[in-house]
Amino acid sequence: MANLTSERKTREYLGNTFSLLAGEQIYAGAMVAVNASGKAVQATKAGNPVIGVALHSAANGEPVAYRRGVFAFDNAATTPVTSAAIGGTCHVADDHTVDATSASAVAGTVLGFEEDQVIVKIQ
């Protein structure tokens, strides 16, 4: 096959969708985790590792699409992520906040800071 000689609209296939656990509510922009049953759940301090960020809100068993990438999250006030963590991991404080507590679920890799937010790569 020959190379393109003009523009082509190539669709991006997200393919990153899980059904939300019954009784759960998740909002666009929240960190998403997947439980042992393969259901999407809100990321929580004591929960499963984060797999991405919700692209839309969903509730009670609805499908929720998520995306991996680099995102800015709130930094916890009580156990904040510091510049010493750049290149290392940060952890979930709640579905939109990260902290330095290693006993929490892993949120992602710290890339830096922007004002009061932590720049985190979720793979």
Protein backbone atom coordinates (compact mmCIF):
# COMPACT_ATOMS: atom_id res chain seq x y z
CA MET A 1 0.00 0.00 0.00
CA ALA A 2 1.25 3.51 -0.78
CA ASN A 3 1.75 6.36 1.69
CA LEU A 4 -0.91 9.04 1.98
CA THR A 5 -0.80 11.91 -0.49
CA SER A 6 -3.44 13.99 1.30
CA GLU A 7 -4.99 14.34 4.72
CA ARG A 8 -6.91 11.43 6.20
CA LYS A 9 -9.33 11.57 9.11
CA THR A 10 -8.13 8.79 11.41
CA ARG A 11 -10.55 8.03 14.23
CA GLU A 12 -9.15 7.56 17.68
CA TYR A 13 -10.50 4.45 19.36
CA LEU A 14 -10.67 4.88 23.10
CA GLY A 15 -11.82 1.39 23.91
CA ASN A 16 -11.44 2.26 27.59
CA THR A 17 -14.91 1.68 28.99
CA PHE A 18 -16.11 -0.27 32.01
CA SER A 19 -19.56 -0.65 33.53
CA LEU A 20 -19.86 1.28 36.76
CA LEU A 21 -20.52 -0.80 39.85
CA ALA A 22 -24.20 -0.78 40.83
CA GLY A 23 -24.87 1.91 43.42
CA GLU A 24 -21.80 3.94 42.44
CA GLN A 25 -21.75 7.51 41.09
CA ILE A 26 -18.75 8.95 39.28
CA TYR A 27 -18.29 12.44 37.89
CA ALA A 28 -16.40 13.63 34.83
CA GLY A 29 -12.82 14.42 35.83
CA ALA A 30 -12.72 11.94 38.71
CA MET A 31 -10.04 9.29 39.00
CA VAL A 32 -11.40 5.85 38.05
CA ALA A 33 -10.35 2.48 39.44
CA VAL A 34 -11.52 -1.05 38.57
CA ASN A 35 -12.44 -3.55 41.26
CA ALA A 36 -11.69 -7.28 41.29
CA SER A 37 -15.02 -7.97 39.52
CA GLY A 38 -14.03 -5.77 36.57
CA LYS A 39 -16.41 -2.94 37.47
CA ALA A 40 -15.46 0.74 37.44
CA VAL A 41 -15.47 2.46 40.84
CA GLN A 42 -14.47 5.85 42.21
CA ALA A 43 -10.83 5.92 43.20
CA THR A 44 -10.52 5.88 46.98
CA LYS A 45 -7.68 6.05 49.45
CA ALA A 46 -8.05 2.36 50.38
CA GLY A 47 -9.14 1.14 46.94
CA ASN A 48 -7.70 -0.23 43.73
CA PRO A 49 -4.97 1.49 41.68
CA VAL A 50 -6.16 4.25 39.38
CA ILE A 51 -6.60 3.37 35.70
CA GLY A 52 -7.59 6.78 34.32
CA VAL A 53 -9.88 9.80 34.54
CA ALA A 54 -13.62 9.66 33.78
CA LEU A 55 -14.56 11.39 30.53
CA HIS A 56 -18.19 11.81 31.60
CA SER A 57 -20.43 11.32 34.61
CA ALA A 58 -22.13 7.95 35.14
CA ALA A 59 -24.24 6.22 37.78
CA ASN A 60 -25.50 2.83 38.90
CA GLY A 61 -24.13 0.35 36.36
CA GLU A 62 -23.87 2.71 33.37
CA PRO A 63 -20.77 2.46 31.20
CA VAL A 64 -18.06 4.99 31.99
CA ALA A 65 -15.29 5.87 29.53
CA TYR A 66 -11.92 6.89 30.91
CA ARG A 67 -8.63 8.12 29.55
CA ARG A 68 -5.04 7.60 30.63
CA GLY A 69 -2.61 10.48 30.31
CA VAL A 70 -1.24 13.45 32.21
CA PHE A 71 -3.64 15.30 34.51
CA ALA A 72 -3.59 17.99 37.21
CA PHE A 73 -5.06 16.93 40.57
CA ASP A 74 -5.54 18.73 43.86
CA ASN A 75 -2.75 18.27 46.40
CA ALA A 76 -3.76 17.02 49.86
CA ALA A 77 -3.46 19.57 52.64
CA THR A 78 -2.52 17.15 55.40
CA THR A 79 0.00 14.92 53.57
CA PRO A 80 0.91 16.90 50.43
CA VAL A 81 3.01 15.63 47.58
CA THR A 82 6.32 17.55 47.49
CA SER A 83 8.95 18.17 44.83
CA ALA A 84 10.93 15.26 46.29
CA ALA A 85 8.29 12.95 44.75
CA ILE A 86 8.92 14.06 41.14
CA GLY A 87 9.54 10.89 39.14
CA GLY A 88 8.03 8.77 41.91
CA THR A 89 4.48 7.80 42.73
CA CYS A 90 1.70 9.69 44.45
CA HIS A 91 -1.36 8.19 46.04
CA VAL A 92 -5.13 8.64 46.16
CA ALA A 93 -6.61 10.87 48.87
CA ASP A 94 -10.03 10.98 47.15
CA ASP A 95 -11.26 10.87 43.55
CA HIS A 96 -9.69 14.25 42.66
CA THR A 97 -6.91 14.67 45.24
CA VAL A 98 -3.48 13.04 45.58
CA ASP A 99 -1.24 12.73 48.60
CA ALA A 100 2.12 11.37 49.71
CA THR A 101 0.73 8.59 51.93
CA SER A 102 2.26 5.38 50.63
CA ALA A 103 -0.39 3.28 52.42
CA SER A 104 -2.98 4.60 49.92
CA ALA A 105 -3.82 3.28 46.45
CA VAL A 106 -1.37 4.43 43.75
CA ALA A 107 -2.65 7.31 41.61
CA GLY A 108 0.29 7.65 39.20
CA THR A 109 3.72 9.18 38.59
CA VAL A 110 4.43 12.75 39.71
CA LEU A 111 5.72 14.89 36.83
CA GLY A 112 5.66 18.27 38.53
CA PHE A 113 3.46 21.01 39.93
CA GLU A 114 1.33 23.83 38.60
CA GLU A 115 0.25 26.31 41.27
CA ASP A 116 -1.49 24.19 43.92
CA GLN A 117 -2.00 21.17 41.68
CA VAL A 118 0.10 18.04 41.18
CA ILE A 119 0.77 16.98 37.58
CA VAL A 120 0.30 13.19 37.48
CA LYS A 121 0.83 10.66 34.71
CA ILE A 122 -1.65 7.78 34.80
CA GLN A 123 -0.60 4.83 32.65
